[in-house]
Structure formats: structure tokens, C-alpha cells
Amino acid sequence: MILVICAVRAELAGFAREGVTVIETGVGPVDAALATTRALAGGTYRALVNAGIGGGFRGRAAVGDLVIVETESYVDLGREDGAPLALPGGLTLATGVASAEPLLAIARERVRDASFGSGVTSATITTSDARAAALNARYAPSVESMEGFAVLHAARTAGVPAIEIRGISNLVGDRATSGWDFRSGSAATLRGLNALLDVIS
């Protein structure tokens, strides 16, 4: 059985496939982490796909593009300046996670129209060019989401191989120039999800 995680079911409108369970988590990293953990604890899955729409960073992704996320950073956790946080007992913060390499290898071979890049997860949707520029300078991401890190981290903790795919629904930055198009982002997501599942399901 394969688990597909999305924030909102409308992102995968019309999707259904035998042997695939779809879970809608709700929006944001907290709900995504809780729902993913609950789903993984209640079933046995050989792979997880986090599929949904996301914002694309100018120059790396355009509205309607499909992005396979190789690495994901959680931008809301840690020091504002990015410096290491000294914690007692050598504890460290988990602020980065990667999609599983075997699934990435399949995607590179079989998902023909996708680009590959990094993602950032934020509980706050970026609505200004200034914040978009700051995220771009620090992380050089292709895509912004609100759930990617949470889902991948929960899957890694549970020992389940996972991969994140995003259809680009808008450009990150000023909302007036974002080109918001939910339908195009959803269509790209479904295109990538079906191509991937043709191989792994």
C-alpha cells in the first residue's frame, strides 16, 4: 500500500487509484505532522508521496510547472539569523530533510516534465517580494509549501520512504503579481503523481 498525503483534497481532485490511500491533513506544518504520524501509525505503507500545490520562486519555477523536491528546509525553526542554536546535552534541531533517494531516482527516470530542486516549508505564506528575496538568498529554493518538511520528517521518523512533488500554483512574493492559478498547479501535481505511481504502485 502507498500513502499519498495532501493538505487539501481539492489539490488532487478526481484522483483515485487502487492500492493507494489518500489522506487530507489540513493546512500547515502542525496539522500535516499530526495527520501523517497518525496515518503511518495506523497502517503499513511501503512508500509515501506528499503531493500538492506550492509557490514557485521566480527563475526556478513558473505557474503550471511540476517540481520534485529533493530537500526541504523548515524556515520557522531555529535562530532568525540561521546560526546554530546551542542546546544542552548536544541536542540539535531538525530543520532539514530529504526525499528518499530510491524514489528520487525513479522520478528522475520516469517523470519527464519535472524539474528538481529544494523546497522551503513555512507556516506563513510569503506575500512580499522582500521576504521572497530573503528566502531565496538563504535557501535558493524552487518551491514554498506549508507542509513539505512536516510530512517528510514524519515519514523519515517512521522509517517509510517518502518523496514530495509540487505543482506550481503561484509565484512567491507580492500577491498582486503572483499569477495565482490553483487549477494549473493541481493539474501539474496530478500529472507528476500519476507518472510516479505508474512505476511504484
N, C-alpha and C. Protein backbone atom coordinates (compact mmCIF):
# COMPACT_ATOMS: atom_id res chain seq x y z
N MET A 1 0.84 -1.20 0.00
CA MET A 1 0.00 0.00 0.00
C MET A 1 0.88 1.25 0.00
N ILE A 2 0.44 2.24 -0.77
CA ILE A 2 1.15 3.52 -0.84
C ILE A 2 0.26 4.60 -0.24
N LEU A 3 0.86 5.50 0.52
CA LEU A 3 0.14 6.59 1.16
C LEU A 3 0.43 7.90 0.42
N VAL A 4 -0.61 8.58 0.02
CA VAL A 4 -0.48 9.91 -0.58
C VAL A 4 -1.04 10.93 0.41
N ILE A 5 -0.23 11.91 0.72
CA ILE A 5 -0.59 12.96 1.68
C ILE A 5 -0.78 14.28 0.93
N CYS A 6 -1.92 14.92 1.14
CA CYS A 6 -2.15 16.26 0.61
C CYS A 6 -2.72 17.12 1.72
N ALA A 7 -2.58 18.43 1.58
CA ALA A 7 -3.14 19.33 2.58
C ALA A 7 -4.65 19.45 2.43
N VAL A 8 -5.08 19.62 1.19
CA VAL A 8 -6.50 19.81 0.86
C VAL A 8 -6.85 18.88 -0.29
N ARG A 9 -7.92 18.12 -0.15
CA ARG A 9 -8.26 17.10 -1.15
C ARG A 9 -8.48 17.70 -2.54
N ALA A 10 -8.91 18.96 -2.60
CA ALA A 10 -9.14 19.61 -3.89
C ALA A 10 -7.87 19.71 -4.72
N GLU A 11 -6.71 19.65 -4.07
CA GLU A 11 -5.44 19.68 -4.81
C GLU A 11 -5.30 18.46 -5.71
N LEU A 12 -5.97 17.37 -5.34
CA LEU A 12 -5.90 16.12 -6.09
C LEU A 12 -7.28 15.74 -6.61
N ALA A 13 -8.04 16.72 -7.04
CA ALA A 13 -9.43 16.50 -7.46
C ALA A 13 -9.52 15.43 -8.54
N GLY A 14 -10.37 14.44 -8.30
CA GLY A 14 -10.58 13.37 -9.27
C GLY A 14 -9.60 12.22 -9.16
N PHE A 15 -8.61 12.34 -8.28
CA PHE A 15 -7.61 11.27 -8.19
C PHE A 15 -8.13 10.08 -7.40
N ALA A 16 -7.94 8.91 -7.94
CA ALA A 16 -8.24 7.65 -7.25
C ALA A 16 -7.44 6.55 -7.92
N ARG A 17 -6.88 5.68 -7.12
CA ARG A 17 -6.09 4.58 -7.67
C ARG A 17 -6.10 3.43 -6.69
N GLU A 18 -6.26 2.23 -7.22
CA GLU A 18 -6.27 1.05 -6.37
C GLU A 18 -4.90 0.87 -5.71
N GLY A 19 -4.92 0.53 -4.43
CA GLY A 19 -3.68 0.31 -3.70
C GLY A 19 -3.05 1.58 -3.16
N VAL A 20 -3.77 2.70 -3.28
CA VAL A 20 -3.26 3.99 -2.81
C VAL A 20 -4.27 4.59 -1.84
N THR A 21 -3.79 4.95 -0.65
CA THR A 21 -4.61 5.64 0.33
C THR A 21 -4.28 7.12 0.31
N VAL A 22 -5.30 7.96 0.23
CA VAL A 22 -5.11 9.41 0.23
C VAL A 22 -5.59 9.98 1.55
N ILE A 23 -4.73 10.76 2.19
CA ILE A 23 -5.06 11.42 3.46
C ILE A 23 -4.97 12.92 3.28
N GLU A 24 -6.02 13.63 3.67
CA GLU A 24 -6.03 15.09 3.68
C GLU A 24 -5.67 15.53 5.10
N THR A 25 -4.62 16.34 5.22
CA THR A 25 -4.11 16.68 6.55
C THR A 25 -4.66 17.98 7.10
N GLY A 26 -5.11 18.88 6.23
CA GLY A 26 -5.35 20.25 6.64
C GLY A 26 -4.10 21.07 6.37
N VAL A 27 -4.23 22.37 6.47
CA VAL A 27 -3.16 23.28 6.06
C VAL A 27 -2.19 23.58 7.20
N GLY A 28 -0.90 23.59 6.87
CA GLY A 28 0.12 23.99 7.83
C GLY A 28 0.92 22.83 8.38
N PRO A 29 2.12 23.12 8.90
CA PRO A 29 3.03 22.06 9.35
C PRO A 29 2.55 21.28 10.56
N VAL A 30 1.82 21.91 11.46
CA VAL A 30 1.37 21.18 12.66
C VAL A 30 0.34 20.13 12.28
N ASP A 31 -0.71 20.54 11.56
CA ASP A 31 -1.73 19.57 11.14
C ASP A 31 -1.13 18.49 10.24
N ALA A 32 -0.20 18.88 9.37
CA ALA A 32 0.42 17.91 8.47
C ALA A 32 1.21 16.86 9.24
N ALA A 33 1.99 17.30 10.23
CA ALA A 33 2.78 16.36 11.03
C ALA A 33 1.89 15.42 11.81
N LEU A 34 0.85 15.97 12.43
CA LEU A 34 -0.05 15.13 13.24
C LEU A 34 -0.77 14.11 12.38
N ALA A 35 -1.34 14.54 11.26
CA ALA A 35 -2.11 13.63 10.42
C ALA A 35 -1.22 12.56 9.78
N THR A 36 -0.02 12.96 9.37
CA THR A 36 0.90 11.98 8.77
C THR A 36 1.34 10.95 9.79
N THR A 37 1.70 11.40 10.97
CA THR A 37 2.11 10.48 12.03
C THR A 37 0.98 9.52 12.38
N ARG A 38 -0.24 10.03 12.49
CA ARG A 38 -1.39 9.20 12.81
C ARG A 38 -1.63 8.15 11.71
N ALA A 39 -1.53 8.57 10.45
CA ALA A 39 -1.75 7.64 9.35
C ALA A 39 -0.69 6.55 9.31
N LEU A 40 0.57 6.93 9.52
CA LEU A 40 1.65 5.95 9.47
C LEU A 40 1.59 4.97 10.65
N ALA A 41 1.09 5.45 11.79
CA ALA A 41 0.95 4.57 12.96
C ALA A 41 -0.21 3.59 12.78
N GLY A 42 -1.18 3.95 11.94
CA GLY A 42 -2.37 3.12 11.79
C GLY A 42 -2.36 2.19 10.60
N GLY A 43 -1.29 2.17 9.83
CA GLY A 43 -1.24 1.31 8.65
C GLY A 43 0.18 0.96 8.28
N THR A 44 0.31 0.06 7.32
CA THR A 44 1.62 -0.34 6.82
C THR A 44 1.75 0.12 5.38
N TYR A 45 2.73 0.97 5.13
CA TYR A 45 2.93 1.55 3.81
C TYR A 45 4.37 1.35 3.36
N ARG A 46 4.54 1.06 2.08
CA ARG A 46 5.90 0.88 1.57
C ARG A 46 6.48 2.15 0.97
N ALA A 47 5.63 3.15 0.77
CA ALA A 47 6.11 4.44 0.28
C ALA A 47 5.06 5.50 0.57
N LEU A 48 5.52 6.75 0.67
CA LEU A 48 4.64 7.89 0.90
C LEU A 48 4.97 8.96 -0.13
N VAL A 49 3.94 9.57 -0.69
CA VAL A 49 4.11 10.69 -1.61
C VAL A 49 3.37 11.89 -1.04
N ASN A 50 4.09 12.97 -0.77
CA ASN A 50 3.46 14.23 -0.39
C ASN A 50 3.22 15.01 -1.67
N ALA A 51 1.96 15.16 -2.05
CA ALA A 51 1.61 15.76 -3.33
C ALA A 51 0.67 16.94 -3.12
N GLY A 52 0.98 18.06 -3.74
CA GLY A 52 0.10 19.21 -3.62
C GLY A 52 0.65 20.40 -4.38
N ILE A 53 -0.05 21.51 -4.24
CA ILE A 53 0.39 22.74 -4.91
C ILE A 53 1.41 23.47 -4.04
N GLY A 54 2.10 24.41 -4.65
CA GLY A 54 3.07 25.21 -3.92
C GLY A 54 3.40 26.47 -4.71
N GLY A 55 4.08 27.38 -4.06
CA GLY A 55 4.53 28.60 -4.72
C GLY A 55 5.91 28.40 -5.32
N GLY A 56 6.11 28.91 -6.52
CA GLY A 56 7.40 28.78 -7.18
C GLY A 56 8.23 30.06 -7.05
N PHE A 57 9.51 29.90 -6.89
CA PHE A 57 10.41 31.06 -6.83
C PHE A 57 10.82 31.46 -8.25
N ARG A 58 10.70 32.73 -8.52
CA ARG A 58 10.99 33.26 -9.86
C ARG A 58 12.39 32.86 -10.32
N GLY A 59 12.46 32.43 -11.56
CA GLY A 59 13.73 31.99 -12.13
C GLY A 59 13.98 30.51 -11.96
N ARG A 60 13.21 29.85 -11.07
CA ARG A 60 13.38 28.42 -10.85
C ARG A 60 12.13 27.62 -11.17
N ALA A 61 10.96 28.26 -11.09
CA ALA A 61 9.72 27.57 -11.38
C ALA A 61 8.67 28.58 -11.81
N ALA A 62 7.80 28.16 -12.71
CA ALA A 62 6.72 29.02 -13.21
C ALA A 62 5.38 28.35 -12.91
N VAL A 63 4.32 29.14 -12.93
CA VAL A 63 2.98 28.61 -12.69
C VAL A 63 2.68 27.51 -13.71
N GLY A 64 2.22 26.37 -13.22
CA GLY A 64 1.94 25.22 -14.06
C GLY A 64 3.08 24.23 -14.15
N ASP A 65 4.24 24.58 -13.63
CA ASP A 65 5.38 23.65 -13.62
C ASP A 65 5.19 22.57 -12.57
N LEU A 66 5.93 21.50 -12.76
CA LEU A 66 5.99 20.40 -11.79
C LEU A 66 7.39 20.36 -11.19
N VAL A 67 7.47 20.38 -9.86
CA VAL A 67 8.77 20.35 -9.17
C VAL A 67 8.81 19.12 -8.26
N ILE A 68 9.87 18.34 -8.40
CA ILE A 68 10.16 17.25 -7.45
C ILE A 68 11.13 17.82 -6.42
N VAL A 69 10.74 17.77 -5.16
CA VAL A 69 11.54 18.37 -4.10
C VAL A 69 12.56 17.35 -3.58
N GLU A 70 13.82 17.68 -3.74
CA GLU A 70 14.90 16.80 -3.29
C GLU A 70 15.18 16.99 -1.80
N THR A 71 15.25 18.25 -1.35
CA THR A 71 15.50 18.56 0.06
C THR A 71 14.53 19.65 0.50
N GLU A 72 14.17 19.60 1.77
CA GLU A 72 13.19 20.55 2.31
C GLU A 72 13.73 21.16 3.59
N SER A 73 13.60 22.47 3.73
CA SER A 73 14.04 23.18 4.94
C SER A 73 12.84 23.81 5.63
N TYR A 74 12.83 23.72 6.96
CA TYR A 74 11.77 24.33 7.77
C TYR A 74 12.27 25.69 8.24
N VAL A 75 11.75 26.75 7.65
CA VAL A 75 12.32 28.08 7.86
C VAL A 75 11.88 28.73 9.16
N ASP A 76 10.85 28.19 9.81
CA ASP A 76 10.33 28.80 11.04
C ASP A 76 10.98 28.27 12.31
N LEU A 77 11.89 27.34 12.19
CA LEU A 77 12.51 26.72 13.36
C LEU A 77 13.97 27.12 13.46
N GLY A 78 14.38 27.59 14.65
CA GLY A 78 15.77 27.96 14.87
C GLY A 78 15.94 29.46 14.98
N ARG A 79 17.19 29.88 14.95
CA ARG A 79 17.52 31.30 15.08
C ARG A 79 17.17 32.07 13.81
N GLU A 80 16.75 33.30 13.97
CA GLU A 80 16.40 34.12 12.83
C GLU A 80 17.58 34.31 11.88
N ASP A 81 18.80 34.42 12.44
CA ASP A 81 19.98 34.66 11.60
C ASP A 81 20.57 33.39 11.02
N GLY A 82 19.99 32.24 11.34
CA GLY A 82 20.47 30.98 10.79
C GLY A 82 21.65 30.36 11.50
N ALA A 83 22.15 31.03 12.54
CA ALA A 83 23.28 30.49 13.29
C ALA A 83 22.84 29.28 14.10
N PRO A 84 23.77 28.36 14.41
CA PRO A 84 23.41 27.19 15.22
C PRO A 84 22.87 27.59 16.58
N LEU A 85 21.92 26.83 17.06
CA LEU A 85 21.33 27.07 18.37
C LEU A 85 21.97 26.13 19.38
N ALA A 86 22.60 26.69 20.40
CA ALA A 86 23.27 25.87 21.42
C ALA A 86 22.22 25.32 22.38
N LEU A 87 22.10 24.00 22.40
CA LEU A 87 21.14 23.34 23.28
C LEU A 87 21.88 22.42 24.25
N PRO A 88 21.35 22.21 25.44
CA PRO A 88 22.04 21.35 26.41
C PRO A 88 22.10 19.90 25.94
N GLY A 89 23.16 19.23 26.35
CA GLY A 89 23.29 17.81 26.06
C GLY A 89 23.57 17.47 24.62
N GLY A 90 23.99 18.46 23.83
CA GLY A 90 24.29 18.20 22.42
C GLY A 90 23.07 18.01 21.54
N LEU A 91 21.90 18.41 22.03
CA LEU A 91 20.69 18.30 21.22
C LEU A 91 20.78 19.21 20.00
N THR A 92 20.19 18.79 18.90
CA THR A 92 20.18 19.60 17.68
C THR A 92 18.75 19.73 17.17
N LEU A 93 18.52 20.77 16.40
CA LEU A 93 17.22 20.97 15.77
C LEU A 93 17.20 20.30 14.41
N ALA A 94 16.12 19.59 14.12
CA ALA A 94 15.93 19.01 12.79
C ALA A 94 15.23 20.05 11.94
N THR A 95 15.98 20.69 11.06
CA THR A 95 15.39 21.74 10.22
C THR A 95 15.49 21.40 8.73
N GLY A 96 16.06 20.26 8.41
CA GLY A 96 16.18 19.85 7.02
C GLY A 96 15.90 18.37 6.87
N VAL A 97 15.32 18.00 5.73
CA VAL A 97 15.00 16.60 5.45
C VAL A 97 15.03 16.42 3.94
N ALA A 98 15.31 15.20 3.50
CA ALA A 98 15.39 14.92 2.07
C ALA A 98 14.35 13.88 1.66
N SER A 99 13.90 13.98 0.43
CA SER A 99 13.11 12.90 -0.15
C SER A 99 14.00 11.66 -0.27
N ALA A 100 13.40 10.49 -0.22
CA ALA A 100 14.16 9.23 -0.27
C ALA A 100 14.83 9.07 -1.63
N GLU A 101 16.12 8.78 -1.61
CA GLU A 101 16.88 8.69 -2.85
C GLU A 101 16.35 7.64 -3.83
N PRO A 102 15.91 6.46 -3.39
CA PRO A 102 15.37 5.49 -4.37
C PRO A 102 14.15 6.04 -5.11
N LEU A 103 13.29 6.79 -4.42
CA LEU A 103 12.13 7.38 -5.07
C LEU A 103 12.54 8.53 -5.99
N LEU A 104 13.53 9.30 -5.57
CA LEU A 104 14.04 10.36 -6.44
C LEU A 104 14.63 9.78 -7.72
N ALA A 105 15.32 8.66 -7.60
CA ALA A 105 15.92 8.03 -8.79
C ALA A 105 14.84 7.61 -9.78
N ILE A 106 13.75 7.07 -9.26
CA ILE A 106 12.63 6.69 -10.12
C ILE A 106 12.03 7.92 -10.79
N ALA A 107 11.85 8.98 -10.00
CA ALA A 107 11.28 10.20 -10.55
C ALA A 107 12.16 10.80 -11.64
N ARG A 108 13.48 10.78 -11.43
CA ARG A 108 14.39 11.34 -12.42
C ARG A 108 14.29 10.58 -13.75
N GLU A 109 14.03 9.29 -13.65
CA GLU A 109 13.98 8.46 -14.86
C GLU A 109 12.61 8.50 -15.53
N ARG A 110 11.54 8.60 -14.75
CA ARG A 110 10.21 8.36 -15.31
C ARG A 110 9.29 9.58 -15.35
N VAL A 111 9.57 10.62 -14.56
CA VAL A 111 8.72 11.81 -14.57
C VAL A 111 9.39 12.84 -15.46
N ARG A 112 9.01 12.84 -16.72
CA ARG A 112 9.79 13.51 -17.75
C ARG A 112 9.74 15.03 -17.70
N ASP A 113 8.61 15.60 -17.33
CA ASP A 113 8.47 17.05 -17.45
C ASP A 113 8.70 17.79 -16.13
N ALA A 114 9.34 17.14 -15.18
CA ALA A 114 9.56 17.75 -13.87
C ALA A 114 10.95 18.39 -13.79
N SER A 115 11.04 19.44 -12.96
CA SER A 115 12.34 19.94 -12.55
C SER A 115 12.59 19.46 -11.12
N PHE A 116 13.83 19.48 -10.71
CA PHE A 116 14.21 19.01 -9.38
C PHE A 116 14.88 20.15 -8.64
N GLY A 117 14.51 20.32 -7.37
CA GLY A 117 15.10 21.41 -6.61
C GLY A 117 14.78 21.29 -5.14
N SER A 118 15.10 22.33 -4.40
CA SER A 118 14.86 22.32 -2.96
C SER A 118 13.58 23.07 -2.65
N GLY A 119 13.04 22.80 -1.46
CA GLY A 119 11.83 23.47 -1.02
C GLY A 119 12.02 24.09 0.35
N VAL A 120 11.16 25.06 0.65
CA VAL A 120 11.10 25.61 1.99
C VAL A 120 9.67 25.45 2.51
N THR A 121 9.57 25.07 3.79
CA THR A 121 8.28 24.97 4.46
C THR A 121 8.16 26.14 5.42
N SER A 122 7.02 26.83 5.36
CA SER A 122 6.78 27.96 6.24
C SER A 122 5.33 27.94 6.68
N ALA A 123 5.10 28.23 7.96
CA ALA A 123 3.73 28.34 8.45
C ALA A 123 3.08 29.64 8.00
N THR A 124 3.88 30.56 7.49
CA THR A 124 3.39 31.83 6.97
C THR A 124 3.58 31.88 5.47
N ILE A 125 2.51 32.16 4.74
CA ILE A 125 2.61 32.28 3.29
C ILE A 125 3.32 33.60 2.95
N THR A 126 4.33 33.51 2.12
CA THR A 126 5.06 34.71 1.71
C THR A 126 4.19 35.56 0.79
N THR A 127 4.02 36.82 1.13
CA THR A 127 3.20 37.73 0.33
C THR A 127 3.95 39.00 -0.06
N SER A 128 5.25 39.05 0.15
CA SER A 128 6.02 40.23 -0.23
C SER A 128 7.28 39.82 -0.97
N ASP A 129 7.70 40.69 -1.88
CA ASP A 129 8.94 40.42 -2.63
C ASP A 129 10.15 40.45 -1.70
N ALA A 130 10.07 41.25 -0.62
CA ALA A 130 11.20 41.33 0.31
C ALA A 130 11.44 39.99 1.00
N ARG A 131 10.38 39.37 1.48
CA ARG A 131 10.56 38.07 2.15
C ARG A 131 10.96 37.00 1.13
N ALA A 132 10.39 37.04 -0.06
CA ALA A 132 10.79 36.10 -1.10
C ALA A 132 12.28 36.21 -1.39
N ALA A 133 12.78 37.44 -1.45
CA ALA A 133 14.21 37.65 -1.72
C ALA A 133 15.06 37.12 -0.57
N ALA A 134 14.60 37.31 0.67
CA ALA A 134 15.35 36.82 1.82
C ALA A 134 15.41 35.29 1.83
N LEU A 135 14.30 34.64 1.54
CA LEU A 135 14.28 33.17 1.47
C LEU A 135 15.16 32.68 0.32
N ASN A 136 15.09 33.37 -0.78
CA ASN A 136 15.90 32.99 -1.95
C ASN A 136 17.39 33.10 -1.64
N ALA A 137 17.78 34.17 -0.96
CA ALA A 137 19.19 34.38 -0.65
C ALA A 137 19.71 33.32 0.32
N ARG A 138 18.87 32.90 1.25
CA ARG A 138 19.33 31.97 2.28
C ARG A 138 19.26 30.51 1.85
N TYR A 139 18.20 30.16 1.09
CA TYR A 139 17.95 28.74 0.80
C TYR A 139 18.04 28.39 -0.68
N ALA A 140 17.97 29.35 -1.58
CA ALA A 140 17.94 29.11 -3.02
C ALA A 140 16.91 28.04 -3.38
N PRO A 141 15.66 28.20 -2.93
CA PRO A 141 14.66 27.16 -3.16
C PRO A 141 13.95 27.30 -4.51
N SER A 142 13.32 26.22 -4.92
CA SER A 142 12.45 26.27 -6.09
C SER A 142 11.00 26.48 -5.71
N VAL A 143 10.63 26.01 -4.51
CA VAL A 143 9.21 25.98 -4.16
C VAL A 143 9.01 26.25 -2.67
N GLU A 144 7.89 26.88 -2.35
CA GLU A 144 7.47 27.11 -0.96
C GLU A 144 6.17 26.36 -0.71
N SER A 145 6.10 25.66 0.42
CA SER A 145 4.86 25.00 0.83
C SER A 145 4.67 25.22 2.32
N MET A 146 3.55 24.72 2.84
CA MET A 146 3.29 24.83 4.27
C MET A 146 3.34 23.48 4.98
N GLU A 147 3.60 22.41 4.22
CA GLU A 147 3.54 21.07 4.82
C GLU A 147 4.72 20.16 4.49
N GLY A 148 5.52 20.49 3.49
CA GLY A 148 6.52 19.56 2.98
C GLY A 148 7.46 18.99 4.02
N PHE A 149 8.08 19.87 4.80
CA PHE A 149 9.02 19.39 5.82
C PHE A 149 8.33 18.47 6.81
N ALA A 150 7.15 18.87 7.28
CA ALA A 150 6.44 18.10 8.31
C ALA A 150 6.15 16.68 7.83
N VAL A 151 5.69 16.55 6.60
CA VAL A 151 5.34 15.23 6.08
C VAL A 151 6.59 14.37 5.88
N LEU A 152 7.62 14.93 5.26
CA LEU A 152 8.85 14.16 5.03
C LEU A 152 9.52 13.77 6.34
N HIS A 153 9.51 14.69 7.30
CA HIS A 153 10.14 14.39 8.59
C HIS A 153 9.38 13.29 9.33
N ALA A 154 8.05 13.35 9.31
CA ALA A 154 7.25 12.31 9.95
C ALA A 154 7.50 10.96 9.30
N ALA A 155 7.61 10.94 7.97
CA ALA A 155 7.87 9.68 7.27
C ALA A 155 9.25 9.14 7.61
N ARG A 156 10.24 10.02 7.64
CA ARG A 156 11.60 9.57 7.99
C ARG A 156 11.63 9.01 9.40
N THR A 157 10.95 9.66 10.34
CA THR A 157 10.90 9.17 11.72
C THR A 157 10.26 7.80 11.79
N ALA A 158 9.27 7.56 10.93
CA ALA A 158 8.58 6.26 10.92
C ALA A 158 9.29 5.21 10.07
N GLY A 159 10.34 5.61 9.37
CA GLY A 159 11.09 4.66 8.55
C GLY A 159 10.42 4.32 7.23
N VAL A 160 9.58 5.23 6.72
CA VAL A 160 8.87 5.00 5.47
C VAL A 160 9.48 5.89 4.38
N PRO A 161 9.92 5.33 3.25
CA PRO A 161 10.48 6.16 2.18
C PRO A 161 9.44 7.14 1.67
N ALA A 162 9.83 8.39 1.47
CA ALA A 162 8.88 9.43 1.08
C ALA A 162 9.49 10.36 0.05
N ILE A 163 8.62 10.96 -0.74
CA ILE A 163 9.03 11.93 -1.74
C ILE A 163 7.98 13.02 -1.81
N GLU A 164 8.41 14.24 -2.14
CA GLU A 164 7.50 15.37 -2.24
C GLU A 164 7.45 15.87 -3.67
N ILE A 165 6.22 16.08 -4.19
CA ILE A 165 6.04 16.65 -5.51
C ILE A 165 5.08 17.84 -5.41
N ARG A 166 5.37 18.89 -6.14
CA ARG A 166 4.58 20.12 -6.08
C ARG A 166 4.27 20.64 -7.48
N GLY A 167 2.99 20.91 -7.70
CA GLY A 167 2.57 21.66 -8.88
C GLY A 167 2.54 23.13 -8.53
N ILE A 168 3.10 23.97 -9.36
CA ILE A 168 3.24 25.39 -9.02
C ILE A 168 1.94 26.14 -9.36
N SER A 169 1.36 26.73 -8.31
CA SER A 169 0.09 27.44 -8.45
C SER A 169 0.25 28.95 -8.45
N ASN A 170 1.41 29.44 -8.06
CA ASN A 170 1.65 30.88 -7.96
C ASN A 170 3.15 31.13 -7.84
N LEU A 171 3.54 32.38 -8.03
CA LEU A 171 4.92 32.78 -7.80
C LEU A 171 5.03 33.37 -6.40
N VAL A 172 6.11 33.06 -5.71
CA VAL A 172 6.31 33.51 -4.34
C VAL A 172 6.67 35.00 -4.36
N GLY A 173 5.95 35.77 -3.54
CA GLY A 173 6.21 37.20 -3.45
C GLY A 173 4.92 37.99 -3.41
N ASP A 174 4.98 39.20 -3.94
CA ASP A 174 3.83 40.10 -3.94
C ASP A 174 2.61 39.40 -4.55
N ARG A 175 1.51 39.36 -3.82
CA ARG A 175 0.33 38.63 -4.28
C ARG A 175 -0.26 39.23 -5.55
N ALA A 176 -0.05 40.51 -5.76
CA ALA A 176 -0.61 41.16 -6.95
C ALA A 176 0.04 40.66 -8.23
N THR A 177 1.25 40.14 -8.13
CA THR A 177 1.96 39.66 -9.32
C THR A 177 2.26 38.17 -9.24
N SER A 178 1.52 37.45 -8.40
CA SER A 178 1.84 36.04 -8.16
C SER A 178 1.30 35.11 -9.24
N GLY A 179 0.35 35.59 -10.05
CA GLY A 179 -0.20 34.75 -11.11
C GLY A 179 -0.96 33.55 -10.60
N TRP A 180 -1.65 33.70 -9.47
CA TRP A 180 -2.32 32.59 -8.79
C TRP A 180 -3.23 31.81 -9.73
N ASP A 181 -3.02 30.48 -9.81
CA ASP A 181 -3.80 29.61 -10.69
C ASP A 181 -3.85 28.22 -10.06
N PHE A 182 -4.84 28.02 -9.21
CA PHE A 182 -4.98 26.75 -8.49
C PHE A 182 -5.11 25.59 -9.47
N ARG A 183 -5.89 25.79 -10.51
CA ARG A 183 -6.15 24.68 -11.45
C ARG A 183 -4.87 24.21 -12.14
N SER A 184 -4.03 25.15 -12.56
CA SER A 184 -2.77 24.76 -13.22
C SER A 184 -1.85 24.04 -12.26
N GLY A 185 -1.78 24.52 -11.01
CA GLY A 185 -0.95 23.84 -10.02
C GLY A 185 -1.44 22.44 -9.74
N SER A 186 -2.76 22.28 -9.60
CA SER A 186 -3.34 20.97 -9.35
C SER A 186 -3.10 20.01 -10.51
N ALA A 187 -3.26 20.51 -11.74
CA ALA A 187 -3.05 19.66 -12.92
C ALA A 187 -1.61 19.16 -12.99
N ALA A 188 -0.66 20.03 -12.68
CA ALA A 188 0.74 19.62 -12.68
C ALA A 188 1.01 18.58 -11.59
N THR A 189 0.41 18.79 -10.42
CA THR A 189 0.56 17.83 -9.33
C THR A 189 0.05 16.46 -9.74
N LEU A 190 -1.14 16.41 -10.30
CA LEU A 190 -1.73 15.13 -10.71
C LEU A 190 -0.91 14.46 -11.80
N ARG A 191 -0.37 15.24 -12.71
CA ARG A 191 0.47 14.70 -13.78
C ARG A 191 1.68 13.99 -13.19
N GLY A 192 2.34 14.65 -12.25
CA GLY A 192 3.52 14.05 -11.63
C GLY A 192 3.18 12.88 -10.75
N LEU A 193 2.09 12.99 -9.98
CA LEU A 193 1.69 11.91 -9.09
C LEU A 193 1.36 10.64 -9.88
N ASN A 194 0.60 10.78 -10.95
CA ASN A 194 0.23 9.59 -11.73
C ASN A 194 1.46 8.97 -12.40
N ALA A 195 2.36 9.81 -12.90
CA ALA A 195 3.57 9.27 -13.54
C ALA A 195 4.42 8.50 -12.55
N LEU A 196 4.52 9.02 -11.34
CA LEU A 196 5.31 8.34 -10.31
C LEU A 196 4.64 7.04 -9.87
N LEU A 197 3.34 7.10 -9.66
CA LEU A 197 2.63 5.90 -9.19
C LEU A 197 2.55 4.82 -10.26
N ASP A 198 2.64 5.19 -11.51
CA ASP A 198 2.68 4.17 -12.58
C ASP A 198 3.85 3.23 -12.37
N VAL A 199 4.90 3.71 -11.73
CA VAL A 199 6.10 2.90 -11.52
C VAL A 199 6.10 2.23 -10.14
N ILE A 200 5.73 2.96 -9.10
CA ILE A 200 5.93 2.43 -7.74
C ILE A 200 4.71 1.73 -7.16
N SER A 201 3.53 1.87 -7.80
CA SER A 201 2.35 1.22 -7.22
C SER A 201 2.11 -0.15 -7.84
